Amino acid sequence: MTSDDPLQDLVVGYPKLAGQMGIQPETTIFRRFGFLNAQNLLYLQAELTWLEKRLRECQVEDSMDSKGNKSQYALNWYWLSQAEDDGDTTQLDLVLKIRERMKEYSKVSEN
């Protein structure tokens, strides 16, 4: 005798519940964690604000530095991307960290 239950092979608990949700998506309810999402956004904003301030300070310092190509970093991405040649990747590291955080912030803020 064969069962018509499409969930018969699923273990009772999360697996069976997920299977049921897959069959009847209108029964699916997920908590949004609104408080935690809002708090996370606030932390990301605070971190981005700090990184932005640090980047501006670094840009001013580098623009006045006569060593290597530091004075060109704010004018030309190529020279900034080659910062390792000047022995100081601080500004580049900040830009890349900001890029990462901005991606994360954009994802979270969309929800």
N, C-alpha and C. Protein backbone atom coordinates (compact mmCIF):
# COMPACT_ATOMS: atom_id res chain seq x y z
N MET A 1 0.83 -1.19 0.00
CA MET A 1 0.00 0.00 0.00
C MET A 1 0.88 1.26 0.00
N THR A 2 0.65 2.15 -0.93
CA THR A 2 1.42 3.37 -1.04
C THR A 2 0.65 4.54 -0.43
N SER A 3 1.38 5.38 0.26
CA SER A 3 0.77 6.55 0.89
C SER A 3 0.80 7.71 -0.09
N ASP A 4 -0.23 8.53 -0.03
CA ASP A 4 -0.28 9.73 -0.88
C ASP A 4 0.35 10.93 -0.18
N ASP A 5 0.92 10.71 1.00
CA ASP A 5 1.53 11.78 1.77
C ASP A 5 2.89 12.15 1.18
N PRO A 6 3.02 13.35 0.55
CA PRO A 6 4.29 13.73 -0.06
C PRO A 6 5.38 14.00 0.98
N LEU A 7 4.99 14.08 2.24
CA LEU A 7 5.95 14.38 3.31
C LEU A 7 6.32 13.15 4.13
N GLN A 8 5.91 11.99 3.67
CA GLN A 8 6.10 10.77 4.47
C GLN A 8 7.57 10.46 4.77
N ASP A 9 8.47 10.88 3.92
CA ASP A 9 9.88 10.58 4.13
C ASP A 9 10.59 11.63 5.00
N LEU A 10 9.87 12.66 5.40
CA LEU A 10 10.48 13.73 6.19
C LEU A 10 10.29 13.48 7.68
N VAL A 11 11.33 13.75 8.44
CA VAL A 11 11.30 13.59 9.89
C VAL A 11 10.41 14.66 10.49
N VAL A 12 9.65 14.31 11.52
CA VAL A 12 8.80 15.25 12.23
C VAL A 12 9.68 16.33 12.87
N GLY A 13 9.27 17.56 12.73
CA GLY A 13 10.03 18.69 13.25
C GLY A 13 10.28 19.69 12.13
N TYR A 14 11.42 20.31 12.15
CA TYR A 14 11.76 21.31 11.13
C TYR A 14 11.70 20.75 9.71
N PRO A 15 12.22 19.53 9.48
CA PRO A 15 12.16 19.01 8.10
C PRO A 15 10.72 18.90 7.58
N LYS A 16 9.81 18.35 8.39
CA LYS A 16 8.42 18.19 7.95
C LYS A 16 7.73 19.55 7.83
N LEU A 17 7.99 20.45 8.78
CA LEU A 17 7.42 21.79 8.72
C LEU A 17 7.88 22.51 7.45
N ALA A 18 9.16 22.42 7.14
CA ALA A 18 9.69 23.05 5.91
C ALA A 18 9.05 22.43 4.67
N GLY A 19 8.86 21.12 4.69
CA GLY A 19 8.20 20.45 3.57
C GLY A 19 6.78 20.96 3.38
N GLN A 20 6.06 21.12 4.49
CA GLN A 20 4.69 21.62 4.43
C GLN A 20 4.66 23.05 3.89
N MET A 21 5.62 23.86 4.35
CA MET A 21 5.70 25.25 3.86
C MET A 21 5.99 25.28 2.37
N GLY A 22 6.80 24.32 1.91
CA GLY A 22 7.10 24.24 0.48
C GLY A 22 5.88 23.90 -0.35
N ILE A 23 5.02 23.06 0.22
CA ILE A 23 3.80 22.66 -0.49
C ILE A 23 2.75 23.77 -0.43
N GLN A 24 2.64 24.42 0.73
CA GLN A 24 1.65 25.48 0.92
C GLN A 24 2.35 26.77 1.38
N PRO A 25 3.00 27.49 0.46
CA PRO A 25 3.77 28.68 0.86
C PRO A 25 2.94 29.75 1.57
N GLU A 26 1.65 29.75 1.34
CA GLU A 26 0.80 30.75 2.01
C GLU A 26 0.74 30.52 3.52
N THR A 27 1.17 29.37 3.97
CA THR A 27 1.19 29.09 5.42
C THR A 27 2.51 29.50 6.06
N THR A 28 3.43 29.97 5.27
CA THR A 28 4.77 30.30 5.76
C THR A 28 4.78 31.65 6.46
N ILE A 29 5.29 31.67 7.67
CA ILE A 29 5.44 32.90 8.43
C ILE A 29 6.84 32.89 9.05
N PHE A 30 7.58 33.94 8.82
CA PHE A 30 8.92 34.07 9.39
C PHE A 30 9.00 35.36 10.18
N ARG A 31 9.66 35.30 11.29
CA ARG A 31 9.89 36.49 12.11
C ARG A 31 10.91 37.38 11.39
N ARG A 32 10.71 38.66 11.41
CA ARG A 32 11.61 39.60 10.72
C ARG A 32 12.78 40.05 11.58
N PHE A 33 12.68 39.91 12.88
CA PHE A 33 13.72 40.38 13.80
C PHE A 33 13.96 41.87 13.58
N GLY A 34 12.87 42.63 13.54
CA GLY A 34 12.92 44.07 13.27
C GLY A 34 13.87 44.83 14.18
N PHE A 35 13.80 44.54 15.48
CA PHE A 35 14.67 45.23 16.43
C PHE A 35 16.13 44.97 16.11
N LEU A 36 16.47 43.70 15.90
CA LEU A 36 17.87 43.36 15.63
C LEU A 36 18.34 43.93 14.30
N ASN A 37 17.47 43.94 13.28
CA ASN A 37 17.83 44.53 12.00
C ASN A 37 18.08 46.03 12.15
N ALA A 38 17.22 46.70 12.91
CA ALA A 38 17.39 48.14 13.12
C ALA A 38 18.68 48.42 13.89
N GLN A 39 18.93 47.63 14.92
CA GLN A 39 20.15 47.82 15.71
C GLN A 39 21.39 47.57 14.85
N ASN A 40 21.34 46.53 14.04
CA ASN A 40 22.47 46.23 13.16
C ASN A 40 22.72 47.37 12.17
N LEU A 41 21.63 47.95 11.63
CA LEU A 41 21.78 49.10 10.72
C LEU A 41 22.43 50.28 11.44
N LEU A 42 22.02 50.51 12.67
CA LEU A 42 22.61 51.61 13.44
C LEU A 42 24.10 51.38 13.67
N TYR A 43 24.47 50.15 14.00
CA TYR A 43 25.89 49.83 14.18
C TYR A 43 26.66 50.01 12.87
N LEU A 44 26.07 49.55 11.76
CA LEU A 44 26.73 49.71 10.47
C LEU A 44 26.89 51.18 10.12
N GLN A 45 25.86 51.99 10.39
CA GLN A 45 25.95 53.42 10.13
C GLN A 45 27.06 54.05 10.96
N ALA A 46 27.12 53.68 12.23
CA ALA A 46 28.16 54.23 13.10
C ALA A 46 29.54 53.83 12.60
N GLU A 47 29.68 52.58 12.21
CA GLU A 47 30.98 52.11 11.70
C GLU A 47 31.34 52.82 10.41
N LEU A 48 30.37 52.96 9.50
CA LEU A 48 30.63 53.65 8.24
C LEU A 48 30.99 55.12 8.47
N THR A 49 30.33 55.75 9.42
CA THR A 49 30.64 57.14 9.75
C THR A 49 32.08 57.27 10.24
N TRP A 50 32.48 56.34 11.11
CA TRP A 50 33.86 56.36 11.62
C TRP A 50 34.85 56.10 10.48
N LEU A 51 34.56 55.12 9.63
CA LEU A 51 35.45 54.81 8.50
C LEU A 51 35.54 56.00 7.54
N GLU A 52 34.42 56.67 7.30
CA GLU A 52 34.41 57.84 6.42
C GLU A 52 35.31 58.94 6.99
N LYS A 53 35.18 59.20 8.29
CA LYS A 53 36.01 60.22 8.94
C LYS A 53 37.49 59.87 8.83
N ARG A 54 37.81 58.62 9.09
CA ARG A 54 39.19 58.16 9.01
C ARG A 54 39.72 58.27 7.58
N LEU A 55 38.90 57.93 6.59
CA LEU A 55 39.30 58.04 5.18
C LEU A 55 39.60 59.49 4.82
N ARG A 56 38.73 60.42 5.23
CA ARG A 56 38.95 61.84 4.93
C ARG A 56 40.28 62.32 5.52
N GLU A 57 40.55 61.91 6.76
CA GLU A 57 41.82 62.29 7.40
C GLU A 57 43.01 61.72 6.61
N CYS A 58 42.89 60.48 6.23
CA CYS A 58 43.96 59.82 5.49
C CYS A 58 44.16 60.47 4.12
N GLN A 59 43.07 60.85 3.47
CA GLN A 59 43.18 61.51 2.17
C GLN A 59 43.91 62.84 2.29
N VAL A 60 43.63 63.59 3.34
CA VAL A 60 44.32 64.86 3.55
C VAL A 60 45.82 64.62 3.77
N GLU A 61 46.13 63.67 4.66
CA GLU A 61 47.55 63.34 4.93
C GLU A 61 48.26 62.92 3.65
N ASP A 62 47.66 61.99 2.91
CA ASP A 62 48.30 61.47 1.70
C ASP A 62 48.44 62.54 0.62
N SER A 63 47.47 63.43 0.51
CA SER A 63 47.54 64.47 -0.53
C SER A 63 48.70 65.42 -0.31
N MET A 64 49.17 65.54 0.94
CA MET A 64 50.28 66.44 1.26
C MET A 64 51.62 65.70 1.36
N ASP A 65 51.62 64.40 1.13
CA ASP A 65 52.82 63.59 1.25
C ASP A 65 53.58 63.58 -0.08
N SER A 66 54.84 63.94 -0.05
CA SER A 66 55.63 64.02 -1.28
C SER A 66 56.30 62.68 -1.63
N LYS A 67 56.17 61.69 -0.73
CA LYS A 67 56.79 60.38 -1.00
C LYS A 67 55.95 59.59 -2.00
N GLY A 68 56.60 58.96 -2.93
CA GLY A 68 55.91 58.09 -3.88
C GLY A 68 54.78 58.81 -4.60
N ASN A 69 53.67 58.09 -4.75
CA ASN A 69 52.52 58.63 -5.48
C ASN A 69 51.33 58.95 -4.58
N LYS A 70 51.58 59.07 -3.27
CA LYS A 70 50.49 59.30 -2.34
C LYS A 70 49.65 60.53 -2.69
N SER A 71 50.29 61.57 -3.17
CA SER A 71 49.55 62.79 -3.49
C SER A 71 48.60 62.58 -4.68
N GLN A 72 48.77 61.47 -5.38
CA GLN A 72 47.93 61.18 -6.54
C GLN A 72 46.74 60.27 -6.21
N TYR A 73 46.72 59.70 -5.00
CA TYR A 73 45.68 58.72 -4.63
C TYR A 73 44.26 59.26 -4.82
N ALA A 74 44.04 60.51 -4.46
CA ALA A 74 42.70 61.08 -4.57
C ALA A 74 42.35 61.46 -6.00
N LEU A 75 43.34 61.45 -6.87
CA LEU A 75 43.12 61.86 -8.26
C LEU A 75 43.05 60.69 -9.23
N ASN A 76 43.66 59.58 -8.84
CA ASN A 76 43.79 58.49 -9.81
C ASN A 76 43.71 57.13 -9.10
N TRP A 77 42.69 56.36 -9.42
CA TRP A 77 42.49 55.05 -8.79
C TRP A 77 43.71 54.15 -8.99
N TYR A 78 44.33 54.24 -10.15
CA TYR A 78 45.48 53.38 -10.43
C TYR A 78 46.55 53.54 -9.35
N TRP A 79 46.90 54.79 -9.03
CA TRP A 79 47.95 55.00 -8.03
C TRP A 79 47.52 54.52 -6.65
N LEU A 80 46.25 54.72 -6.32
CA LEU A 80 45.75 54.22 -5.04
C LEU A 80 45.82 52.69 -5.01
N SER A 81 45.47 52.07 -6.12
CA SER A 81 45.49 50.61 -6.18
C SER A 81 46.92 50.05 -6.09
N GLN A 82 47.91 50.89 -6.35
CA GLN A 82 49.32 50.49 -6.29
C GLN A 82 49.98 50.97 -4.99
N ALA A 83 49.19 51.27 -3.99
CA ALA A 83 49.68 51.86 -2.74
C ALA A 83 50.75 50.99 -2.06
N GLU A 84 50.69 49.70 -2.29
CA GLU A 84 51.69 48.80 -1.69
C GLU A 84 53.10 49.19 -2.14
N ASP A 85 53.22 49.71 -3.36
CA ASP A 85 54.53 50.15 -3.86
C ASP A 85 55.10 51.29 -3.02
N ASP A 86 54.21 52.09 -2.42
CA ASP A 86 54.64 53.20 -1.56
C ASP A 86 54.83 52.76 -0.11
N GLY A 87 54.51 51.51 0.17
CA GLY A 87 54.70 50.97 1.52
C GLY A 87 53.65 51.38 2.53
N ASP A 88 52.53 51.92 2.06
CA ASP A 88 51.46 52.31 2.99
C ASP A 88 50.11 52.11 2.30
N THR A 89 49.40 51.10 2.72
CA THR A 89 48.10 50.80 2.10
C THR A 89 46.92 51.26 2.97
N THR A 90 47.17 52.15 3.90
CA THR A 90 46.12 52.58 4.84
C THR A 90 44.89 53.08 4.11
N GLN A 91 45.07 54.01 3.17
CA GLN A 91 43.92 54.58 2.47
C GLN A 91 43.21 53.52 1.63
N LEU A 92 43.97 52.70 0.93
CA LEU A 92 43.37 51.64 0.12
C LEU A 92 42.61 50.66 1.01
N ASP A 93 43.18 50.29 2.13
CA ASP A 93 42.52 49.37 3.06
C ASP A 93 41.20 49.96 3.55
N LEU A 94 41.19 51.24 3.83
CA LEU A 94 39.95 51.90 4.27
C LEU A 94 38.90 51.88 3.16
N VAL A 95 39.31 52.19 1.95
CA VAL A 95 38.38 52.19 0.82
C VAL A 95 37.77 50.80 0.63
N LEU A 96 38.60 49.77 0.71
CA LEU A 96 38.10 48.41 0.52
C LEU A 96 37.20 47.97 1.68
N LYS A 97 37.51 48.39 2.88
CA LYS A 97 36.67 48.05 4.04
C LYS A 97 35.32 48.77 3.93
N ILE A 98 35.35 50.03 3.50
CA ILE A 98 34.12 50.79 3.30
C ILE A 98 33.27 50.10 2.23
N ARG A 99 33.91 49.64 1.16
CA ARG A 99 33.19 48.95 0.09
C ARG A 99 32.46 47.72 0.64
N GLU A 100 33.15 46.93 1.47
CA GLU A 100 32.53 45.75 2.08
C GLU A 100 31.34 46.14 2.95
N ARG A 101 31.54 47.12 3.81
CA ARG A 101 30.48 47.53 4.73
C ARG A 101 29.30 48.12 3.97
N MET A 102 29.56 48.86 2.88
CA MET A 102 28.48 49.44 2.08
C MET A 102 27.63 48.34 1.46
N LYS A 103 28.26 47.27 0.98
CA LYS A 103 27.49 46.14 0.42
C LYS A 103 26.60 45.56 1.50
N GLU A 104 27.17 45.34 2.67
CA GLU A 104 26.41 44.78 3.78
C GLU A 104 25.27 45.71 4.19
N TYR A 105 25.58 47.01 4.30
CA TYR A 105 24.58 48.00 4.69
C TYR A 105 23.44 48.04 3.67
N SER A 106 23.78 48.01 2.39
CA SER A 106 22.76 48.06 1.34
C SER A 106 21.84 46.85 1.40
N LYS A 107 22.42 45.69 1.64
CA LYS A 107 21.60 44.47 1.75
C LYS A 107 20.63 44.56 2.92
N VAL A 108 21.14 44.95 4.07
CA VAL A 108 20.32 45.00 5.29
C VAL A 108 19.27 46.08 5.17
N SER A 109 19.63 47.24 4.60
CA SER A 109 18.69 48.36 4.55
C SER A 109 17.57 48.13 3.52
N GLU A 110 17.77 47.19 2.60
CA GLU A 110 16.72 46.86 1.63
C GLU A 110 15.56 46.13 2.29
N ASN A 111 15.85 45.43 3.37
CA ASN A 111 14.82 44.62 4.03
C ASN A 111 14.00 45.44 4.91
